[in-house]
């Protein structure tokens, strides 16, 4: 997994590596809770409001746009 830090305020190139290392050392549940669950829950809430004809495709597009 590669983590790209898009924060222009961060001038320390080592900070991204430290963050990636800390994510790698997390238990599976903690890793998912910190990285995937927040955007997934937002996407599922929007999906429930929209109720598109193809919910899996809609959610996939949502995740790509909002992650």
PDB file of N, CA and C in Angstrom:
ATOM      1  N   UNK A   1       0.843  -1.183   0.000  1.00  0.00           N
ATOM      2  CA  UNK A   1       0.000   0.000   0.000  1.00  0.00           C
ATOM      3  C   UNK A   1       0.882   1.239   0.000  1.00  0.00           C
ATOM      4  N   UNK A   2       0.520   2.211  -0.806  1.00  0.00           N
ATOM      5  CA  UNK A   2       1.244   3.470  -0.858  1.00  0.00           C
ATOM      6  C   UNK A   2       0.327   4.564  -0.353  1.00  0.00           C
ATOM      7  N   UNK A   3       0.814   5.357   0.584  1.00  0.00           N
ATOM      8  CA  UNK A   3       0.052   6.479   1.116  1.00  0.00           C
ATOM      9  C   UNK A   3       0.663   7.749   0.565  1.00  0.00           C
ATOM     10  N   UNK A   4      -0.145   8.559  -0.104  1.00  0.00           N
ATOM     11  CA  UNK A   4       0.321   9.826  -0.641  1.00  0.00           C
ATOM     12  C   UNK A   4      -0.282  10.938   0.185  1.00  0.00           C
ATOM     13  N   UNK A   5       0.583  11.767   0.739  1.00  0.00           N
ATOM     14  CA  UNK A   5       0.116  12.874   1.556  1.00  0.00           C
ATOM     15  C   UNK A   5      -0.044  14.091   0.662  1.00  0.00           C
ATOM     16  N   UNK A   6      -1.287  14.543   0.462  1.00  0.00           N
ATOM     17  CA  UNK A   6      -1.579  15.673  -0.407  1.00  0.00           C
ATOM     18  C   UNK A   6      -1.622  16.983   0.359  1.00  0.00           C
ATOM     19  N   UNK A   7      -1.278  16.949   1.627  1.00  0.00           N
ATOM     20  CA  UNK A   7      -1.303  18.147   2.459  1.00  0.00           C
ATOM     21  C   UNK A   7      -0.088  19.003   2.147  1.00  0.00           C
ATOM     22  N   UNK A   8      -0.311  20.180   1.542  1.00  0.00           N
ATOM     23  CA  UNK A   8       0.795  21.046   1.151  1.00  0.00           C
ATOM     24  C   UNK A   8       1.477  21.695   2.345  1.00  0.00           C
ATOM     25  N   UNK A   9       0.845  21.674   3.513  1.00  0.00           N
ATOM     26  CA  UNK A   9       1.433  22.265   4.716  1.00  0.00           C
ATOM     27  C   UNK A   9       2.549  21.394   5.279  1.00  0.00           C
ATOM     28  N   UNK A  10       2.524  20.111   4.946  1.00  0.00           N
ATOM     29  CA  UNK A  10       3.490  19.168   5.494  1.00  0.00           C
ATOM     30  C   UNK A  10       4.779  19.233   4.681  1.00  0.00           C
ATOM     31  N   UNK A  11       5.818  19.780   5.265  1.00  0.00           N
ATOM     32  CA  UNK A  11       7.104  19.933   4.586  1.00  0.00           C
ATOM     33  C   UNK A  11       8.038  18.763   4.874  1.00  0.00           C
ATOM     34  N   UNK A  12       7.682  17.885   5.794  1.00  0.00           N
ATOM     35  CA  UNK A  12       8.534  16.774   6.207  1.00  0.00           C
ATOM     36  C   UNK A  12       8.225  15.537   5.369  1.00  0.00           C
ATOM     37  N   UNK A  13       9.112  15.156   4.423  1.00  0.00           N
ATOM     38  CA  UNK A  13       8.845  13.978   3.597  1.00  0.00           C
ATOM     39  C   UNK A  13       8.832  12.686   4.399  1.00  0.00           C
ATOM     40  N   UNK A  14       9.443  12.681   5.567  1.00  0.00           N
ATOM     41  CA  UNK A  14       9.456  11.491   6.414  1.00  0.00           C
ATOM     42  C   UNK A  14       8.105  11.256   7.097  1.00  0.00           C
ATOM     43  N   UNK A  15       7.292  12.301   7.215  1.00  0.00           N
ATOM     44  CA  UNK A  15       6.010  12.178   7.913  1.00  0.00           C
ATOM     45  C   UNK A  15       5.102  11.177   7.213  1.00  0.00           C
ATOM     46  N   UNK A  16       5.088  11.190   5.902  1.00  0.00           N
ATOM     47  CA  UNK A  16       4.271  10.240   5.152  1.00  0.00           C
ATOM     48  C   UNK A  16       4.709   8.812   5.386  1.00  0.00           C
ATOM     49  N   UNK A  17       6.013   8.599   5.442  1.00  0.00           N
ATOM     50  CA  UNK A  17       6.542   7.261   5.698  1.00  0.00           C
ATOM     51  C   UNK A  17       6.182   6.790   7.099  1.00  0.00           C
ATOM     52  N   UNK A  18       6.255   7.714   8.074  1.00  0.00           N
ATOM     53  CA  UNK A  18       5.902   7.369   9.452  1.00  0.00           C
ATOM     54  C   UNK A  18       4.433   6.997   9.539  1.00  0.00           C
ATOM     55  N   UNK A  19       3.586   7.765   8.838  1.00  0.00           N
ATOM     56  CA  UNK A  19       2.146   7.489   8.847  1.00  0.00           C
ATOM     57  C   UNK A  19       1.867   6.133   8.211  1.00  0.00           C
ATOM     58  N   UNK A  20       2.530   5.846   7.080  1.00  0.00           N
ATOM     59  CA  UNK A  20       2.344   4.563   6.408  1.00  0.00           C
ATOM     60  C   UNK A  20       2.771   3.411   7.314  1.00  0.00           C
ATOM     61  N   UNK A  21       3.881   3.574   8.000  1.00  0.00           N
ATOM     62  CA  UNK A  21       4.365   2.546   8.906  1.00  0.00           C
ATOM     63  C   UNK A  21       3.378   2.337  10.047  1.00  0.00           C
ATOM     64  N   UNK A  22       2.828   3.431  10.581  1.00  0.00           N
ATOM     65  CA  UNK A  22       1.887   3.281  11.686  1.00  0.00           C
ATOM     66  C   UNK A  22       0.611   2.589  11.218  1.00  0.00           C
ATOM     67  N   UNK A  23       0.166   2.857   9.987  1.00  0.00           N
ATOM     68  CA  UNK A  23      -1.006   2.159   9.462  1.00  0.00           C
ATOM     69  C   UNK A  23      -0.720   0.677   9.275  1.00  0.00           C
ATOM     70  N   UNK A  24       0.482   0.359   8.835  1.00  0.00           N
ATOM     71  CA  UNK A  24       0.852  -1.039   8.617  1.00  0.00           C
ATOM     72  C   UNK A  24       0.872  -1.836   9.912  1.00  0.00           C
ATOM     73  N   UNK A  25       1.151  -1.177  11.016  1.00  0.00           N
ATOM     74  CA  UNK A  25       1.274  -1.889  12.286  1.00  0.00           C
ATOM     75  C   UNK A  25      -0.060  -2.035  13.028  1.00  0.00           C
ATOM     76  N   UNK A  26      -1.108  -1.398  12.531  1.00  0.00           N
ATOM     77  CA  UNK A  26      -2.405  -1.472  13.202  1.00  0.00           C
ATOM     78  C   UNK A  26      -3.058  -2.835  13.013  1.00  0.00           C
ATOM     79  N   UNK A  27      -3.839  -3.274  13.983  1.00  0.00           N
ATOM     80  CA  UNK A  27      -4.672  -4.464  13.780  1.00  0.00           C
ATOM     81  C   UNK A  27      -5.682  -4.182  12.649  1.00  0.00           C
ATOM     82  N   UNK A  28      -6.175  -5.212  12.026  1.00  0.00           N
ATOM     83  CA  UNK A  28      -7.061  -5.073  10.870  1.00  0.00           C
ATOM     84  C   UNK A  28      -8.245  -4.165  11.170  1.00  0.00           C
ATOM     85  N   UNK A  29      -8.925  -4.396  12.269  1.00  0.00           N
ATOM     86  CA  UNK A  29     -10.126  -3.604  12.599  1.00  0.00           C
ATOM     87  C   UNK A  29      -9.792  -2.121  12.756  1.00  0.00           C
ATOM     88  N   UNK A  30      -8.703  -1.812  13.451  1.00  0.00           N
ATOM     89  CA  UNK A  30      -8.303  -0.422  13.656  1.00  0.00           C
ATOM     90  C   UNK A  30      -7.913   0.225  12.335  1.00  0.00           C
ATOM     91  N   UNK A  31      -7.216  -0.518  11.484  1.00  0.00           N
ATOM     92  CA  UNK A  31      -6.823  -0.004  10.170  1.00  0.00           C
ATOM     93  C   UNK A  31      -8.065   0.367   9.351  1.00  0.00           C
ATOM     94  N   UNK A  32      -9.024  -0.539   9.288  1.00  0.00           N
ATOM     95  CA  UNK A  32     -10.251  -0.268   8.533  1.00  0.00           C
ATOM     96  C   UNK A  32     -11.052   0.870   9.147  1.00  0.00           C
ATOM     97  N   UNK A  33     -11.128   0.904  10.482  1.00  0.00           N
ATOM     98  CA  UNK A  33     -11.860   1.979  11.165  1.00  0.00           C
ATOM     99  C   UNK A  33     -11.258   3.351  10.864  1.00  0.00           C
ATOM    100  N   UNK A  34      -9.966   3.417  10.697  1.00  0.00           N
ATOM    101  CA  UNK A  34      -9.303   4.698  10.448  1.00  0.00           C
ATOM    102  C   UNK A  34      -9.266   5.088   8.984  1.00  0.00           C
ATOM    103  N   UNK A  35      -9.286   4.112   8.087  1.00  0.00           N
ATOM    104  CA  UNK A  35      -9.065   4.431   6.678  1.00  0.00           C
ATOM    105  C   UNK A  35     -10.279   4.251   5.780  1.00  0.00           C
ATOM    106  N   UNK A  36     -11.091   3.250   6.029  1.00  0.00           N
ATOM    107  CA  UNK A  36     -12.172   2.904   5.104  1.00  0.00           C
ATOM    108  C   UNK A  36     -13.560   3.221   5.660  1.00  0.00           C
ATOM    109  N   UNK A  37     -13.782   2.907   6.901  1.00  0.00           N
ATOM    110  CA  UNK A  37     -15.115   3.013   7.485  1.00  0.00           C
ATOM    111  C   UNK A  37     -15.719   4.417   7.389  1.00  0.00           C
ATOM    112  N   UNK A  38     -14.990   5.480   7.673  1.00  0.00           N
ATOM    113  CA  UNK A  38     -15.631   6.804   7.609  1.00  0.00           C
ATOM    114  C   UNK A  38     -16.217   7.139   6.236  1.00  0.00           C
ATOM    115  N   UNK A  39     -15.432   6.955   5.182  1.00  0.00           N
ATOM    116  CA  UNK A  39     -15.935   7.281   3.841  1.00  0.00           C
ATOM    117  C   UNK A  39     -16.990   6.266   3.394  1.00  0.00           C
ATOM    118  N   UNK A  40     -16.858   5.031   3.822  1.00  0.00           N
ATOM    119  CA  UNK A  40     -17.847   4.014   3.466  1.00  0.00           C
ATOM    120  C   UNK A  40     -19.201   4.327   4.104  1.00  0.00           C
ATOM    121  N   UNK A  41     -19.208   4.722   5.365  1.00  0.00           N
ATOM    122  CA  UNK A  41     -20.463   5.076   6.032  1.00  0.00           C
ATOM    123  C   UNK A  41     -21.117   6.297   5.388  1.00  0.00           C
ATOM    124  N   UNK A  42     -20.308   7.279   5.013  1.00  0.00           N
ATOM    125  CA  UNK A  42     -20.851   8.454   4.312  1.00  0.00           C
ATOM    126  C   UNK A  42     -21.462   8.034   2.990  1.00  0.00           C
ATOM    127  N   UNK A  43     -20.764   7.175   2.274  1.00  0.00           N
ATOM    128  CA  UNK A  43     -21.264   6.686   0.992  1.00  0.00           C
ATOM    129  C   UNK A  43     -22.549   5.894   1.135  1.00  0.00           C
ATOM    130  N   UNK A  44     -22.623   5.057   2.136  1.00  0.00           N
ATOM    131  CA  UNK A  44     -23.837   4.270   2.358  1.00  0.00           C
ATOM    132  C   UNK A  44     -25.017   5.161   2.741  1.00  0.00           C
ATOM    133  N   UNK A  45     -24.765   6.203   3.517  1.00  0.00           N
ATOM    134  CA  UNK A  45     -25.835   7.138   3.873  1.00  0.00           C
ATOM    135  C   UNK A  45     -26.361   7.852   2.627  1.00  0.00           C
ATOM    136  N   UNK A  46     -25.446   8.301   1.760  1.00  0.00           N
ATOM    137  CA  UNK A  46     -25.855   8.956   0.512  1.00  0.00           C
ATOM    138  C   UNK A  46     -26.576   7.971  -0.405  1.00  0.00           C
ATOM    139  N   UNK A  47     -26.098   6.746  -0.439  1.00  0.00           N
ATOM    140  CA  UNK A  47     -26.718   5.701  -1.252  1.00  0.00           C
ATOM    141  C   UNK A  47     -28.163   5.469  -0.826  1.00  0.00           C
ATOM    142  N   UNK A  48     -28.397   5.440   0.475  1.00  0.00           N
ATOM    143  CA  UNK A  48     -29.753   5.237   0.995  1.00  0.00           C
ATOM    144  C   UNK A  48     -30.669   6.391   0.605  1.00  0.00           C
ATOM    145  N   UNK A  49     -30.127   7.611   0.541  1.00  0.00           N
ATOM    146  CA  UNK A  49     -30.926   8.772   0.129  1.00  0.00           C
ATOM    147  C   UNK A  49     -31.228   8.735  -1.365  1.00  0.00           C
ATOM    148  N   UNK A  50     -30.208   8.412  -2.164  1.00  0.00           N
ATOM    149  CA  UNK A  50     -30.332   8.437  -3.629  1.00  0.00           C
ATOM    150  C   UNK A  50     -31.124   7.253  -4.179  1.00  0.00           C
ATOM    151  N   UNK A  51     -30.882   6.086  -3.627  1.00  0.00           N
ATOM    152  CA  UNK A  51     -31.483   4.829  -4.095  1.00  0.00           C
ATOM    153  C   UNK A  51     -31.371   4.645  -5.608  1.00  0.00           C
ATOM    154  N   UNK A  52     -30.137   4.615  -6.113  1.00  0.00           N
ATOM    155  CA  UNK A  52     -29.944   4.467  -7.560  1.00  0.00           C
ATOM    156  C   UNK A  52     -30.291   3.065  -8.049  1.00  0.00           C
ATOM    157  N   UNK A  53     -30.500   2.930  -9.354  1.00  0.00           N
ATOM    158  CA  UNK A  53     -30.849   1.636  -9.944  1.00  0.00           C
ATOM    159  C   UNK A  53     -29.709   0.629  -9.791  1.00  0.00           C
ATOM    160  N   UNK A  54     -28.471   1.093  -9.865  1.00  0.00           N
ATOM    161  CA  UNK A  54     -27.313   0.215  -9.713  1.00  0.00           C
ATOM    162  C   UNK A  54     -26.508   0.678  -8.495  1.00  0.00           C
ATOM    163  N   UNK A  55     -26.889   0.231  -7.314  1.00  0.00           N
ATOM    164  CA  UNK A  55     -26.273   0.741  -6.089  1.00  0.00           C
ATOM    165  C   UNK A  55     -24.789   0.407  -5.941  1.00  0.00           C
ATOM    166  N   UNK A  56     -24.365  -0.745  -6.413  1.00  0.00           N
ATOM    167  CA  UNK A  56     -22.952  -1.116  -6.271  1.00  0.00           C
ATOM    168  C   UNK A  56     -22.080  -0.203  -7.130  1.00  0.00           C
ATOM    169  N   UNK A  57     -22.495   0.038  -8.357  1.00  0.00           N
ATOM    170  CA  UNK A  57     -21.753   0.941  -9.234  1.00  0.00           C
ATOM    171  C   UNK A  57     -21.747   2.357  -8.656  1.00  0.00           C
ATOM    172  N   UNK A  58     -22.894   2.799  -8.158  1.00  0.00           N
ATOM    173  CA  UNK A  58     -23.002   4.143  -7.581  1.00  0.00           C
ATOM    174  C   UNK A  58     -22.049   4.282  -6.394  1.00  0.00           C
ATOM    175  N   UNK A  59     -22.051   3.278  -5.509  1.00  0.00           N
ATOM    176  CA  UNK A  59     -21.184   3.331  -4.331  1.00  0.00           C
ATOM    177  C   UNK A  59     -19.709   3.303  -4.743  1.00  0.00           C
ATOM    178  N   UNK A  60     -19.375   2.487  -5.721  1.00  0.00           N
ATOM    179  CA  UNK A  60     -17.996   2.451  -6.212  1.00  0.00           C
ATOM    180  C   UNK A  60     -17.546   3.807  -6.718  1.00  0.00           C
ATOM    181  N   UNK A  61     -18.392   4.463  -7.481  1.00  0.00           N
ATOM    182  CA  UNK A  61     -18.074   5.804  -7.991  1.00  0.00           C
ATOM    183  C   UNK A  61     -17.960   6.811  -6.857  1.00  0.00           C
ATOM    184  N   UNK A  62     -18.845   6.704  -5.877  1.00  0.00           N
ATOM    185  CA  UNK A  62     -18.796   7.597  -4.723  1.00  0.00           C
ATOM    186  C   UNK A  62     -17.463   7.455  -3.994  1.00  0.00           C
ATOM    187  N   UNK A  63     -17.062   6.221  -3.768  1.00  0.00           N
ATOM    188  CA  UNK A  63     -15.804   5.966  -3.047  1.00  0.00           C
ATOM    189  C   UNK A  63     -14.603   6.501  -3.830  1.00  0.00           C
ATOM    190  N   UNK A  64     -14.611   6.324  -5.128  1.00  0.00           N
ATOM    191  CA  UNK A  64     -13.517   6.841  -5.938  1.00  0.00           C
ATOM    192  C   UNK A  64     -13.450   8.360  -5.902  1.00  0.00           C
ATOM    193  N   UNK A  65     -14.585   9.018  -5.904  1.00  0.00           N
ATOM    194  CA  UNK A  65     -14.636  10.473  -5.903  1.00  0.00           C
ATOM    195  C   UNK A  65     -14.322  11.076  -4.532  1.00  0.00           C
ATOM    196  N   UNK A  66     -14.608  10.354  -3.469  1.00  0.00           N
ATOM    197  CA  UNK A  66     -14.540  10.932  -2.123  1.00  0.00           C
ATOM    198  C   UNK A  66     -13.457  10.336  -1.233  1.00  0.00           C
ATOM    199  N   UNK A  67     -12.560   9.579  -1.794  1.00  0.00           N
ATOM    200  CA  UNK A  67     -11.513   9.003  -0.947  1.00  0.00           C
ATOM    201  C   UNK A  67     -10.191   9.688  -1.163  1.00  0.00           C
TER     202      UNK A  67
END
